[in-house]
Amino acid sequence: KERREMLEQIKNETRTIILYEAPHHLKKTLKE
């Protein structure tokens, strides 16, 4: 739930967004 909410915020964010990600989660995060 929190992840969906954060992705919705990112969708509407006008500033540049910085995220960290581990290699084993990268593919999933990029698709989301």
All heavy atoms as atom14 arrays in JSON, in Angstrom:
{
  "sequence": "KERREMLEQIKNETRTIILYEAPHHLKKTLKE",
  "atom14_mask": [
    [1, 1, 1, 1, 1, 1, 1, 1, 1, 0, 0, 0, 0, 0],
    [1, 1, 1, 1, 1, 1, 1, 1, 1, 0, 0, 0, 0, 0],
    [1, 1, 1, 1, 1, 1, 1, 1, 1, 1, 1, 0, 0, 0],
    [1, 1, 1, 1, 1, 1, 1, 1, 1, 1, 1, 0, 0, 0],
    [1, 1, 1, 1, 1, 1, 1, 1, 1, 0, 0, 0, 0, 0],
    [1, 1, 1, 1, 1, 1, 1, 1, 0, 0, 0, 0, 0, 0],
    [1, 1, 1, 1, 1, 1, 1, 1, 0, 0, 0, 0, 0, 0],
    [1, 1, 1, 1, 1, 1, 1, 1, 1, 0, 0, 0, 0, 0],
    [1, 1, 1, 1, 1, 1, 1, 1, 1, 0, 0, 0, 0, 0],
    [1, 1, 1, 1, 1, 1, 1, 1, 0, 0, 0, 0, 0, 0],
    [1, 1, 1, 1, 1, 1, 1, 1, 1, 0, 0, 0, 0, 0],
    [1, 1, 1, 1, 1, 1, 1, 1, 0, 0, 0, 0, 0, 0],
    [1, 1, 1, 1, 1, 1, 1, 1, 1, 0, 0, 0, 0, 0],
    [1, 1, 1, 1, 1, 1, 1, 0, 0, 0, 0, 0, 0, 0],
    [1, 1, 1, 1, 1, 1, 1, 1, 1, 1, 1, 0, 0, 0],
    [1, 1, 1, 1, 1, 1, 1, 0, 0, 0, 0, 0, 0, 0],
    [1, 1, 1, 1, 1, 1, 1, 1, 0, 0, 0, 0, 0, 0],
    [1, 1, 1, 1, 1, 1, 1, 1, 0, 0, 0, 0, 0, 0],
    [1, 1, 1, 1, 1, 1, 1, 1, 0, 0, 0, 0, 0, 0],
    [1, 1, 1, 1, 1, 1, 1, 1, 1, 1, 1, 1, 0, 0],
    [1, 1, 1, 1, 1, 1, 1, 1, 1, 0, 0, 0, 0, 0],
    [1, 1, 1, 1, 1, 0, 0, 0, 0, 0, 0, 0, 0, 0],
    [1, 1, 1, 1, 1, 1, 1, 0, 0, 0, 0, 0, 0, 0],
    [1, 1, 1, 1, 1, 1, 1, 1, 1, 1, 0, 0, 0, 0],
    [1, 1, 1, 1, 1, 1, 1, 1, 1, 1, 0, 0, 0, 0],
    [1, 1, 1, 1, 1, 1, 1, 1, 0, 0, 0, 0, 0, 0],
    [1, 1, 1, 1, 1, 1, 1, 1, 1, 0, 0, 0, 0, 0],
    [1, 1, 1, 1, 1, 1, 1, 1, 1, 0, 0, 0, 0, 0],
    [1, 1, 1, 1, 1, 1, 1, 0, 0, 0, 0, 0, 0, 0],
    [1, 1, 1, 1, 1, 1, 1, 1, 0, 0, 0, 0, 0, 0],
    [1, 1, 1, 1, 1, 1, 1, 1, 1, 0, 0, 0, 0, 0],
    [1, 1, 1, 1, 1, 1, 1, 1, 1, 0, 0, 0, 0, 0]
  ],
  "atom14_positions": [
    [[0.83, -1.2, 0.0], [0.0, 0.0, 0.0], [0.87, 1.26, 0.0], [0.64, 2.19, -0.78], [-0.93, 0.01, 1.21], [-1.84, 1.22, 1.25], [-2.74, 1.2, 2.48], [-3.6, 2.46, 2.55], [-4.43, 2.49, 3.79], [0.0, 0.0, 0.0], [0.0, 0.0, 0.0], [0.0, 0.0, 0.0], [0.0, 0.0, 0.0], [0.0, 0.0, 0.0]],
    [[1.86, 1.29, 0.88], [2.76, 2.45, 0.95], [3.53, 2.61, -0.36], [3.78, 3.74, -0.81], [3.74, 2.28, 2.1], [3.09, 2.36, 3.48], [4.1, 2.18, 4.6], [5.31, 2.09, 4.3], [3.67, 2.1, 5.76], [0.0, 0.0, 0.0], [0.0, 0.0, 0.0], [0.0, 0.0, 0.0], [0.0, 0.0, 0.0], [0.0, 0.0, 0.0]],
    [[3.88, 1.5, -0.97], [4.62, 1.54, -2.23], [3.77, 2.15, -3.33], [4.24, 2.98, -4.11], [5.06, 0.12, -2.61], [6.14, 0.04, -3.68], [6.56, -1.41, -3.89], [7.6, -1.55, -4.87], [8.9, -1.56, -4.58], [9.31, -1.41, -3.34], [9.82, -1.7, -5.54], [0.0, 0.0, 0.0], [0.0, 0.0, 0.0], [0.0, 0.0, 0.0]],
    [[2.49, 1.74, -3.42], [1.58, 2.3, -4.41], [1.42, 3.81, -4.22], [1.41, 4.58, -5.17], [0.21, 1.62, -4.33], [0.16, 0.23, -4.96], [-1.27, -0.22, -5.18], [-2.06, -0.23, -3.95], [-2.16, -1.27, -3.14], [-1.52, -2.4, -3.41], [-2.9, -1.2, -2.04], [0.0, 0.0, 0.0], [0.0, 0.0, 0.0], [0.0, 0.0, 0.0]],
    [[1.29, 4.21, -2.95], [1.13, 5.63, -2.65], [2.37, 6.42, -3.06], [2.27, 7.53, -3.6], [0.84, 5.82, -1.15], [-0.53, 5.31, -0.73], [-0.72, 5.34, 0.77], [0.28, 5.58, 1.5], [-1.86, 5.11, 1.23], [0.0, 0.0, 0.0], [0.0, 0.0, 0.0], [0.0, 0.0, 0.0], [0.0, 0.0, 0.0], [0.0, 0.0, 0.0]],
    [[3.55, 5.85, -2.8], [4.79, 6.54, -3.17], [4.94, 6.65, -4.68], [5.34, 7.69, -5.21], [6.0, 5.8, -2.59], [7.35, 6.43, -2.94], [7.47, 8.14, -2.4], [7.49, 7.91, -0.62], [0.0, 0.0, 0.0], [0.0, 0.0, 0.0], [0.0, 0.0, 0.0], [0.0, 0.0, 0.0], [0.0, 0.0, 0.0], [0.0, 0.0, 0.0]],
    [[4.59, 5.6, -5.4], [4.65, 5.63, -6.86], [3.69, 6.68, -7.43], [4.0, 7.34, -8.43], [4.35, 4.25, -7.44], [5.47, 3.21, -7.26], [4.95, 1.81, -7.53], [6.65, 3.53, -8.17], [0.0, 0.0, 0.0], [0.0, 0.0, 0.0], [0.0, 0.0, 0.0], [0.0, 0.0, 0.0], [0.0, 0.0, 0.0], [0.0, 0.0, 0.0]],
    [[2.54, 6.84, -6.79], [1.58, 7.85, -7.22], [2.15, 9.25, -7.0], [1.98, 10.15, -7.84], [0.26, 7.7, -6.46], [-0.86, 8.6, -6.93], [-1.29, 8.36, -8.37], [-1.11, 7.23, -8.87], [-1.81, 9.31, -9.0], [0.0, 0.0, 0.0], [0.0, 0.0, 0.0], [0.0, 0.0, 0.0], [0.0, 0.0, 0.0], [0.0, 0.0, 0.0]],
    [[2.85, 9.44, -5.89], [3.5, 10.72, -5.63], [4.6, 11.0, -6.65], [4.74, 12.13, -7.14], [4.08, 10.73, -4.22], [3.05, 10.75, -3.1], [3.68, 10.7, -1.72], [4.78, 11.18, -1.52], [2.99, 10.09, -0.78], [0.0, 0.0, 0.0], [0.0, 0.0, 0.0], [0.0, 0.0, 0.0], [0.0, 0.0, 0.0], [0.0, 0.0, 0.0]],
    [[5.36, 9.97, -6.98], [6.43, 10.11, -7.98], [5.84, 10.48, -9.33], [6.4, 11.3, -10.07], [7.25, 8.81, -8.06], [8.12, 8.67, -6.8], [8.13, 8.79, -9.31], [8.84, 7.34, -6.69], [0.0, 0.0, 0.0], [0.0, 0.0, 0.0], [0.0, 0.0, 0.0], [0.0, 0.0, 0.0], [0.0, 0.0, 0.0], [0.0, 0.0, 0.0]],
    [[4.7, 9.89, -9.66], [4.03, 10.17, -10.93], [3.76, 11.67, -11.09], [3.87, 12.22, -12.19], [2.72, 9.39, -10.99], [1.86, 9.68, -12.21], [0.56, 8.91, -12.14], [-0.35, 9.25, -13.32], [-1.64, 8.51, -13.24], [0.0, 0.0, 0.0], [0.0, 0.0, 0.0], [0.0, 0.0, 0.0], [0.0, 0.0, 0.0], [0.0, 0.0, 0.0]],
    [[3.39, 12.33, -10.01], [3.0, 13.73, -10.07], [4.08, 14.7, -9.59], [3.85, 15.9, -9.54], [1.72, 13.94, -9.25], [0.55, 13.18, -9.83], [0.21, 13.34, -10.99], [-0.07, 12.32, -9.03], [0.0, 0.0, 0.0], [0.0, 0.0, 0.0], [0.0, 0.0, 0.0], [0.0, 0.0, 0.0], [0.0, 0.0, 0.0], [0.0, 0.0, 0.0]],
    [[5.26, 14.18, -9.24], [6.34, 15.01, -8.71], [6.99, 15.82, -9.83], [7.37, 15.28, -10.87], [7.39, 14.11, -8.04], [8.59, 14.85, -7.48], [8.19, 15.86, -6.43], [7.74, 15.44, -5.36], [8.34, 17.08, -6.71], [0.0, 0.0, 0.0], [0.0, 0.0, 0.0], [0.0, 0.0, 0.0], [0.0, 0.0, 0.0], [0.0, 0.0, 0.0]],
    [[7.13, 17.13, -9.62], [7.76, 17.99, -10.63], [9.26, 18.17, -10.39], [9.96, 18.66, -11.27], [7.08, 19.37, -10.66], [7.16, 19.97, -9.35], [5.62, 19.24, -11.06], [0.0, 0.0, 0.0], [0.0, 0.0, 0.0], [0.0, 0.0, 0.0], [0.0, 0.0, 0.0], [0.0, 0.0, 0.0], [0.0, 0.0, 0.0], [0.0, 0.0, 0.0]],
    [[9.73, 17.79, -9.21], [11.17, 17.88, -8.93], [11.87, 16.6, -9.42], [11.25, 15.56, -9.61], [11.4, 18.05, -7.43], [10.86, 19.34, -6.86], [10.87, 19.33, -5.34], [9.94, 18.35, -4.8], [9.73, 18.15, -3.5], [10.39, 18.88, -2.61], [8.88, 17.25, -3.09], [0.0, 0.0, 0.0], [0.0, 0.0, 0.0], [0.0, 0.0, 0.0]],
    [[13.17, 16.66, -9.6], [13.96, 15.47, -9.9], [13.89, 14.52, -8.71], [13.99, 14.95, -7.56], [15.42, 15.86, -10.2], [15.44, 16.74, -11.33], [16.27, 14.65, -10.5], [0.0, 0.0, 0.0], [0.0, 0.0, 0.0], [0.0, 0.0, 0.0], [0.0, 0.0, 0.0], [0.0, 0.0, 0.0], [0.0, 0.0, 0.0], [0.0, 0.0, 0.0]],
    [[13.72, 13.23, -8.98], [13.53, 12.24, -7.91], [14.76, 11.35, -7.8], [15.28, 10.87, -8.82], [12.29, 11.36, -8.19], [11.04, 12.24, -8.38], [12.07, 10.34, -7.09], [10.38, 12.06, -9.71], [0.0, 0.0, 0.0], [0.0, 0.0, 0.0], [0.0, 0.0, 0.0], [0.0, 0.0, 0.0], [0.0, 0.0, 0.0], [0.0, 0.0, 0.0]],
    [[15.24, 11.12, -6.58], [16.39, 10.26, -6.34], [15.94, 9.04, -5.54], [15.35, 9.17, -4.47], [17.5, 10.99, -5.58], [17.87, 12.3, -6.28], [18.73, 10.09, -5.42], [18.86, 13.15, -5.49], [0.0, 0.0, 0.0], [0.0, 0.0, 0.0], [0.0, 0.0, 0.0], [0.0, 0.0, 0.0], [0.0, 0.0, 0.0], [0.0, 0.0, 0.0]],
    [[16.25, 7.85, -6.07], [15.92, 6.6, -5.38], [17.17, 5.73, -5.26], [18.05, 5.78, -6.14], [14.87, 5.8, -6.16], [13.48, 6.4, -6.35], [12.65, 5.48, -7.24], [12.78, 6.59, -5.01], [0.0, 0.0, 0.0], [0.0, 0.0, 0.0], [0.0, 0.0, 0.0], [0.0, 0.0, 0.0], [0.0, 0.0, 0.0], [0.0, 0.0, 0.0]],
    [[17.24, 4.93, -4.22], [18.25, 3.89, -4.1], [17.6, 2.56, -4.46], [16.41, 2.36, -4.22], [18.77, 3.79, -2.66], [19.68, 4.92, -2.23], [19.91, 5.14, -0.87], [20.32, 5.75, -3.13], [20.74, 6.16, -0.44], [21.14, 6.78, -2.72], [21.36, 6.98, -1.36], [22.18, 7.99, -0.94], [0.0, 0.0, 0.0], [0.0, 0.0, 0.0]],
    [[18.39, 1.63, -5.01], [17.85, 0.3, -5.25], [18.95, -0.75, -5.25], [20.07, -0.5, -5.73], [17.08, 0.25, -6.58], [16.21, -0.99, -6.72], [15.33, -1.25, -5.49], [15.84, -1.87, -4.53], [14.17, -0.82, -5.49], [0.0, 0.0, 0.0], [0.0, 0.0, 0.0], [0.0, 0.0, 0.0], [0.0, 0.0, 0.0], [0.0, 0.0, 0.0]],
    [[18.62, -1.92, -4.7], [19.53, -3.06, -4.7], [19.39, -3.82, -6.01], [18.33, -3.77, -6.66], [19.19, -3.97, -3.52], [0.0, 0.0, 0.0], [0.0, 0.0, 0.0], [0.0, 0.0, 0.0], [0.0, 0.0, 0.0], [0.0, 0.0, 0.0], [0.0, 0.0, 0.0], [0.0, 0.0, 0.0], [0.0, 0.0, 0.0], [0.0, 0.0, 0.0]],
    [[20.43, -4.54, -6.42], [20.39, -5.21, -7.73], [19.25, -6.22, -7.89], [18.65, -6.32, -8.96], [21.76, -5.89, -7.82], [22.28, -5.93, -6.43], [21.72, -4.73, -5.74], [0.0, 0.0, 0.0], [0.0, 0.0, 0.0], [0.0, 0.0, 0.0], [0.0, 0.0, 0.0], [0.0, 0.0, 0.0], [0.0, 0.0, 0.0], [0.0, 0.0, 0.0]],
    [[18.92, -6.95, -6.83], [17.89, -7.99, -6.94], [16.47, -7.43, -6.99], [15.53, -8.17, -7.24], [18.02, -8.99, -5.79], [18.01, -8.38, -4.42], [19.09, -7.7, -3.92], [17.06, -8.36, -3.46], [18.82, -7.28, -2.71], [17.6, -7.66, -2.4], [0.0, 0.0, 0.0], [0.0, 0.0, 0.0], [0.0, 0.0, 0.0], [0.0, 0.0, 0.0]],
    [[16.31, -6.11, -6.78], [15.0, -5.48, -6.89], [14.9, -4.51, -8.06], [13.83, -3.95, -8.31], [14.68, -4.71, -5.6], [14.4, -5.59, -4.42], [14.75, -5.24, -3.12], [13.81, -6.81, -4.33], [14.39, -6.2, -2.3], [13.83, -7.16, -3.02], [0.0, 0.0, 0.0], [0.0, 0.0, 0.0], [0.0, 0.0, 0.0], [0.0, 0.0, 0.0]],
    [[16.0, -4.3, -8.77], [16.05, -3.24, -9.77], [15.03, -3.45, -10.9], [14.31, -2.52, -11.28], [17.45, -3.12, -10.37], [17.61, -2.02, -11.41], [17.45, -0.64, -10.77], [18.96, -2.13, -12.13], [0.0, 0.0, 0.0], [0.0, 0.0, 0.0], [0.0, 0.0, 0.0], [0.0, 0.0, 0.0], [0.0, 0.0, 0.0], [0.0, 0.0, 0.0]],
    [[14.95, -4.66, -11.44], [14.04, -4.91, -12.56], [12.59, -4.61, -12.17], [11.85, -3.96, -12.92], [14.16, -6.36, -13.02], [15.47, -6.69, -13.71], [15.47, -8.12, -14.22], [16.76, -8.47, -14.92], [16.74, -9.86, -15.46], [0.0, 0.0, 0.0], [0.0, 0.0, 0.0], [0.0, 0.0, 0.0], [0.0, 0.0, 0.0], [0.0, 0.0, 0.0]],
    [[12.19, -5.07, -10.99], [10.82, -4.85, -10.53], [10.54, -3.36, -10.35], [9.49, -2.85, -10.79], [10.59, -5.57, -9.2], [9.22, -5.29, -8.58], [9.11, -5.9, -7.18], [7.79, -5.53, -6.53], [7.7, -6.03, -5.13], [0.0, 0.0, 0.0], [0.0, 0.0, 0.0], [0.0, 0.0, 0.0], [0.0, 0.0, 0.0], [0.0, 0.0, 0.0]],
    [[11.49, -2.65, -9.75], [11.3, -1.21, -9.51], [11.2, -0.43, -10.81], [10.36, 0.46, -10.95], [12.46, -0.68, -8.64], [12.4, -1.31, -7.36], [12.35, 0.83, -8.45], [0.0, 0.0, 0.0], [0.0, 0.0, 0.0], [0.0, 0.0, 0.0], [0.0, 0.0, 0.0], [0.0, 0.0, 0.0], [0.0, 0.0, 0.0], [0.0, 0.0, 0.0]],
    [[12.04, -0.75, -11.78], [11.98, -0.06, -13.07], [10.64, -0.29, -13.76], [10.06, 0.64, -14.34], [13.13, -0.52, -13.98], [14.53, -0.05, -13.6], [15.57, -0.7, -14.49], [14.64, 1.47, -13.67], [0.0, 0.0, 0.0], [0.0, 0.0, 0.0], [0.0, 0.0, 0.0], [0.0, 0.0, 0.0], [0.0, 0.0, 0.0], [0.0, 0.0, 0.0]],
    [[10.12, -1.5, -13.7], [8.82, -1.8, -14.31], [7.7, -1.03, -13.61], [6.77, -0.52, -14.25], [8.54, -3.3, -14.26], [9.4, -4.09, -15.24], [9.13, -5.59, -15.13], [10.0, -6.37, -16.12], [9.79, -7.83, -16.0], [0.0, 0.0, 0.0], [0.0, 0.0, 0.0], [0.0, 0.0, 0.0], [0.0, 0.0, 0.0], [0.0, 0.0, 0.0]],
    [[7.77, -0.93, -12.27], [6.75, -0.18, -11.52], [6.81, 1.31, -11.85], [5.78, 1.97, -11.98], [6.94, -0.41, -10.01], [6.57, -1.81, -9.56], [6.85, -2.02, -8.09], [7.87, -1.49, -7.59], [6.07, -2.72, -7.43], [0.0, 0.0, 0.0], [0.0, 0.0, 0.0], [0.0, 0.0, 0.0], [0.0, 0.0, 0.0], [0.0, 0.0, 0.0]]
  ]
}
